[in-house]
Protein backbone atom coordinates (compact mmCIF):
# COMPACT_ATOMS: atom_id res chain seq x y z
CA UNK A 1 41.09 81.32 134.06
CA UNK A 2 44.41 82.56 132.89
CA UNK A 3 44.12 86.43 132.81
CA UNK A 4 44.15 87.95 129.26
CA UNK A 5 44.72 91.48 128.39
CA UNK A 6 42.34 93.85 129.82
CA UNK A 7 40.76 91.10 131.94
CA UNK A 8 41.09 91.67 135.68
CA UNK A 9 41.48 88.69 138.20
CA UNK A 10 38.34 87.48 139.41
CA UNK A 11 36.44 88.79 136.42
CA UNK A 12 33.57 86.84 134.78
CA UNK A 13 35.36 83.79 133.08
CA UNK A 14 34.92 83.98 129.19
CA UNK A 15 35.13 81.82 126.58
CA UNK A 16 38.48 81.40 124.92
CA UNK A 17 38.45 81.93 121.11
CA UNK A 18 42.06 82.01 120.15
CA UNK A 19 44.71 79.15 120.32
CA UNK A 20 42.14 76.55 120.28
CA UNK A 21 43.78 73.32 119.41
CA UNK A 22 42.84 72.51 115.59
CA UNK A 23 41.73 68.97 116.75
CA UNK A 24 38.97 70.42 118.96
CA UNK A 25 37.61 72.76 116.38
CA UNK A 26 34.70 70.18 115.46
CA UNK A 27 33.34 70.20 118.85
CA UNK A 28 33.60 73.97 119.14
CA UNK A 29 32.01 74.92 115.44
CA UNK A 30 29.47 72.30 115.22
CA UNK A 31 26.40 71.52 117.45
CA UNK A 32 26.24 67.93 119.23
CA UNK A 33 24.52 65.79 116.59
CA UNK A 34 22.59 62.52 116.69
CA UNK A 35 23.19 60.65 113.20
CA UNK A 36 22.21 57.23 114.75
CA UNK A 37 18.77 58.46 115.98
CA UNK A 38 19.46 56.58 119.53
CA UNK A 39 20.63 59.59 121.64
CA UNK A 40 17.68 60.85 123.29
CA UNK A 41 19.61 62.90 125.81
CA UNK A 42 20.15 65.66 123.05
CA UNK A 43 16.48 66.29 122.75
CA UNK A 44 15.72 66.95 126.37
CA UNK A 45 14.85 70.58 126.94
CA UNK A 46 13.16 72.03 129.93
CA UNK A 47 10.85 73.95 127.65
CA UNK A 48 9.64 70.69 126.11
CA UNK A 49 9.48 68.42 129.13
CA UNK A 50 8.71 70.49 132.20
CA UNK A 51 5.28 71.98 132.99
CA UNK A 52 4.96 75.77 133.90
CA UNK A 53 4.32 74.75 137.35
CA UNK A 54 7.84 72.90 137.86
CA UNK A 55 10.79 75.24 137.70
CA UNK A 56 13.83 73.33 137.00
CA UNK A 57 17.29 73.91 138.79
CA UNK A 58 20.03 75.12 136.79
CA UNK A 59 23.43 73.54 136.83
CA UNK A 60 26.59 73.27 134.89
CA UNK A 61 29.34 70.41 134.03
CA UNK A 62 32.80 70.81 132.76
CA UNK A 63 33.52 68.70 129.61
CA UNK A 64 37.32 68.94 129.93
CA UNK A 65 39.57 67.50 127.04
CA UNK A 66 43.21 67.21 127.54
CA UNK A 67 46.00 66.31 124.96
CA UNK A 68 48.83 67.77 123.05
CA UNK A 69 47.92 71.07 121.37
CA UNK A 70 49.33 69.92 117.84
CA UNK A 71 47.08 67.65 115.83
CA UNK A 72 48.33 64.06 114.70
CA UNK A 73 48.22 64.54 111.12
CA UNK A 74 47.82 60.69 110.62
CA UNK A 75 44.77 60.43 112.85
CA UNK A 76 41.21 61.22 112.10
CA UNK A 77 40.23 64.79 112.89
CA UNK A 78 43.81 65.17 114.12
CA UNK A 79 43.23 63.37 117.27
CA UNK A 80 46.43 63.19 119.27
CA UNK A 81 47.23 59.94 120.98
CA UNK A 82 47.17 61.29 124.35
CA UNK A 83 43.77 62.89 123.96
CA UNK A 84 41.52 62.34 127.02
CA UNK A 85 38.51 63.75 128.84
CA UNK A 86 38.18 64.15 132.81
CA UNK A 87 35.45 62.05 134.24
CA UNK A 88 34.36 61.18 138.05
CA UNK A 89 32.26 58.39 139.60
CA UNK A 90 29.57 59.93 141.93
CA UNK A 91 29.62 58.59 145.55
CA UNK A 92 27.04 55.83 145.99
CA UNK A 93 25.67 57.66 148.91
CA UNK A 94 24.60 60.69 147.08
CA UNK A 95 20.89 61.34 146.75
CA UNK A 96 20.86 61.69 142.94
CA UNK A 97 22.49 60.02 140.25
CA UNK A 98 24.37 57.89 142.97
CA UNK A 99 27.28 55.68 141.75
CA UNK A 100 27.01 57.24 138.03
CA UNK A 101 29.86 58.12 135.97
CA UNK A 102 29.74 62.01 135.33
CA UNK A 103 31.45 65.01 134.15
CA UNK A 104 32.38 67.31 137.30
CA UNK A 105 29.80 69.75 137.93
CA UNK A 106 26.82 70.61 139.92
CA UNK A 107 24.16 73.25 140.71
CA UNK A 108 24.46 76.89 140.33
CA UNK A 109 25.39 78.79 143.41
CA UNK A 110 24.55 82.51 144.07
CA UNK A 111 28.08 83.77 143.60
CA UNK A 112 28.44 82.08 140.34
CA UNK A 113 28.65 84.39 137.26
CA UNK A 114 27.23 82.16 134.57
CA UNK A 115 27.60 78.45 133.61
CA UNK A 116 31.44 78.65 133.05
CA UNK A 117 31.80 80.14 136.54
CA UNK A 118 29.80 77.33 138.00
CA UNK A 119 31.40 74.44 136.04
CA UNK A 120 35.20 75.66 137.02
CA UNK A 121 34.22 75.85 140.54
CA UNK A 122 32.46 72.55 140.86
CA UNK A 123 35.31 70.76 138.93
CA UNK A 124 37.61 72.51 141.50
CA UNK A 125 35.76 71.37 144.49
CA UNK A 126 35.39 67.59 143.15
CA UNK A 127 38.59 66.95 141.42
CA UNK A 128 40.95 69.64 142.42
CA UNK A 129 41.53 70.87 138.78
CA UNK A 130 43.10 74.47 138.71
CA UNK A 131 40.96 76.75 136.84
CA UNK A 132 43.92 78.58 135.81
CA UNK A 133 45.17 76.07 133.45
CA UNK A 134 41.62 75.49 131.86
CA UNK A 135 40.40 77.45 128.54
CA UNK A 136 36.48 77.26 128.18
CA UNK A 137 36.12 76.94 124.44
CA UNK A 138 32.33 76.14 123.99
CA UNK A 139 28.97 76.47 126.06
CA UNK A 140 26.48 74.09 124.79
CA UNK A 141 22.70 74.58 125.08
CA UNK A 142 21.18 73.32 128.28
CA UNK A 143 20.13 69.75 128.62
CA UNK A 144 17.18 68.92 131.18
CA UNK A 145 17.90 65.61 133.47
CA UNK A 146 14.44 64.56 134.63
CA UNK A 147 15.53 62.55 137.77
CA UNK A 148 17.25 65.46 139.41
CA UNK A 149 14.97 68.08 137.49
CA UNK A 150 18.40 69.82 136.56
CA UNK A 151 18.80 72.07 133.58
CA UNK A 152 22.27 71.23 132.88
CA UNK A 153 24.73 73.45 130.57
CA UNK A 154 27.63 71.56 129.43
CA UNK A 155 30.92 73.64 129.05
CA UNK A 156 33.42 72.27 126.84
CA UNK A 157 37.01 73.22 127.62
CA UNK A 158 40.59 72.45 126.73
CA UNK A 159 43.10 71.52 129.68
CA UNK A 160 45.79 73.82 128.47
CA UNK A 161 48.07 73.22 131.48
CA UNK A 162 47.11 69.87 133.01
CA UNK A 163 47.79 69.47 136.78
CA UNK A 164 47.06 66.59 139.38
CA UNK A 165 43.53 65.72 139.98
CA UNK A 166 41.89 63.14 142.34
CA UNK A 167 39.01 62.77 144.66
CA UNK A 168 38.74 65.69 147.04
CA UNK A 169 35.68 64.60 148.85
CA UNK A 170 34.66 60.97 149.18
CA UNK A 171 30.91 62.29 149.96
CA UNK A 172 31.05 63.62 146.23
CA UNK A 173 32.97 61.04 144.23
CA UNK A 174 34.76 57.72 144.61
CA UNK A 175 37.03 58.00 141.49
CA UNK A 176 38.40 60.72 139.23
CA UNK A 177 39.83 59.68 136.06
CA UNK A 178 41.22 60.77 132.72
CA UNK A 179 39.59 58.64 130.11
CA UNK A 180 41.54 58.17 126.91
CA UNK A 181 39.39 59.36 123.75
CA UNK A 182 40.84 56.64 121.81
CA UNK A 183 38.86 54.15 124.12
CA UNK A 184 35.85 56.21 123.79
CA UNK A 185 35.88 55.71 120.03
CA UNK A 186 36.66 52.13 119.86
CA UNK A 187 33.54 50.52 118.36
CA UNK A 188 34.32 47.56 120.80
CA UNK A 189 33.55 49.78 123.78
CA UNK A 190 30.13 51.31 122.41
CA UNK A 191 26.65 50.11 122.34
CA UNK A 192 23.16 51.18 123.24
CA UNK A 193 21.53 50.47 126.93
CA UNK A 194 17.99 49.99 127.49
CA UNK A 195 16.72 51.05 131.14
CA UNK A 196 14.17 48.88 132.96
CA UNK A 197 11.64 52.04 132.59
CA UNK A 198 12.13 52.18 128.86
CA UNK A 199 15.09 54.77 128.43
CA UNK A 200 17.46 53.89 125.76
CA UNK A 201 20.74 55.74 124.86
CA UNK A 202 24.33 55.52 123.84
CA UNK A 203 26.72 53.91 126.36
CA UNK A 204 30.52 53.38 126.63
CA UNK A 205 32.24 50.76 128.74
CA UNK A 206 35.85 52.10 129.45
CA UNK A 207 38.49 51.87 132.11
CA UNK A 208 36.21 49.60 134.31
CA UNK A 209 33.29 51.68 134.16
CA UNK A 210 29.88 52.05 132.24
CA UNK A 211 29.30 55.54 131.08
CA UNK A 212 25.53 55.94 130.24
CA UNK A 213 22.71 58.64 130.53
CA UNK A 214 23.42 62.24 130.22
CA UNK A 215 27.21 61.90 130.44
CA UNK A 216 27.16 59.28 127.62
CA UNK A 217 24.61 61.33 125.28
CA UNK A 218 26.75 64.46 125.63
CA UNK A 219 29.96 62.47 124.68
CA UNK A 220 28.31 60.83 121.74
CA UNK A 221 26.84 64.25 120.50
CA UNK A 222 30.35 65.63 120.63
CA UNK A 223 32.02 62.64 119.10
CA UNK A 224 29.39 62.65 116.22
CA UNK A 225 30.83 66.11 115.20
CA UNK A 226 34.39 65.58 116.32
CA UNK A 227 35.93 64.10 113.26
CA UNK A 228 37.57 61.37 115.39
CA UNK A 229 34.50 58.90 115.65
CA UNK A 230 34.72 55.52 114.14
CA UNK A 231 31.59 53.71 113.04
CA UNK A 232 30.07 51.56 115.64
CA UNK A 233 27.03 49.20 115.97
CA UNK A 234 24.27 51.39 117.46
CA UNK A 235 21.97 48.38 116.57
CA UNK A 236 23.74 46.68 119.54
CA UNK A 237 21.19 47.09 122.41
CA UNK A 238 21.78 45.60 125.83
CA UNK A 239 20.25 45.69 129.15
CA UNK A 240 21.34 48.45 131.35
CA UNK A 241 21.35 46.35 134.64
CA UNK A 242 23.24 43.49 132.88
CA UNK A 243 25.70 45.92 131.54
CA UNK A 244 26.32 47.69 134.92
CA UNK A 245 26.76 44.48 136.58
CA UNK A 246 29.48 43.43 134.05
CA UNK A 247 31.78 46.25 135.35
CA UNK A 248 30.75 45.79 138.87
CA UNK A 249 28.33 48.73 139.20
CA UNK A 250 24.57 48.85 140.03
CA UNK A 251 21.73 50.87 139.05
């Protein structure tokens, strides 16, 4: 984080409430929503899904939006043409969620002072992003991820000063990419996937990848309140394994 008046270097990172780009105010001022009724991810809370005998593990991810600070007056929601979001593809050798497309992030460590600190630290470790150029602008309610038993807090941020990013450790990720928001909101790239075990949820086929599960659920929830979203066919339900195979990925 960049230092602000009265803030000491190394202090607990806080939300930035000033100078938020106007085109990002929708995702800051409104809770993620599911107007289609197909986004199961937003309803997953540890309180509802975990028994008293199971203690979920805390984690945080960084939902990092980049783009010009000035809105495009001709675009829905003011979305600038260069707007994007930072995503990674997890290494196939990882024990949990291997090969999946994800936001940079991970489990809370003892030295972390809150979810913002966790998200920034993990993003730096995974992608090389410099936290000094990142403005955290919203902290969303935790979402429980059953396969890993993580209770994950998404931290929404604006990439005020973008820098070079890439794969820092091949043991963690095989790819780091900035996906244009224009591709995410293109109706041709959006549909619903059905998991062999019954899970159904929103998905995006972008940049040679299939984004599904937790990551797609968070993105879909944010797009629904962003003002940028275009109408898409949420009745288009596709087999998850076939959709992954179409982009060279596996379950």
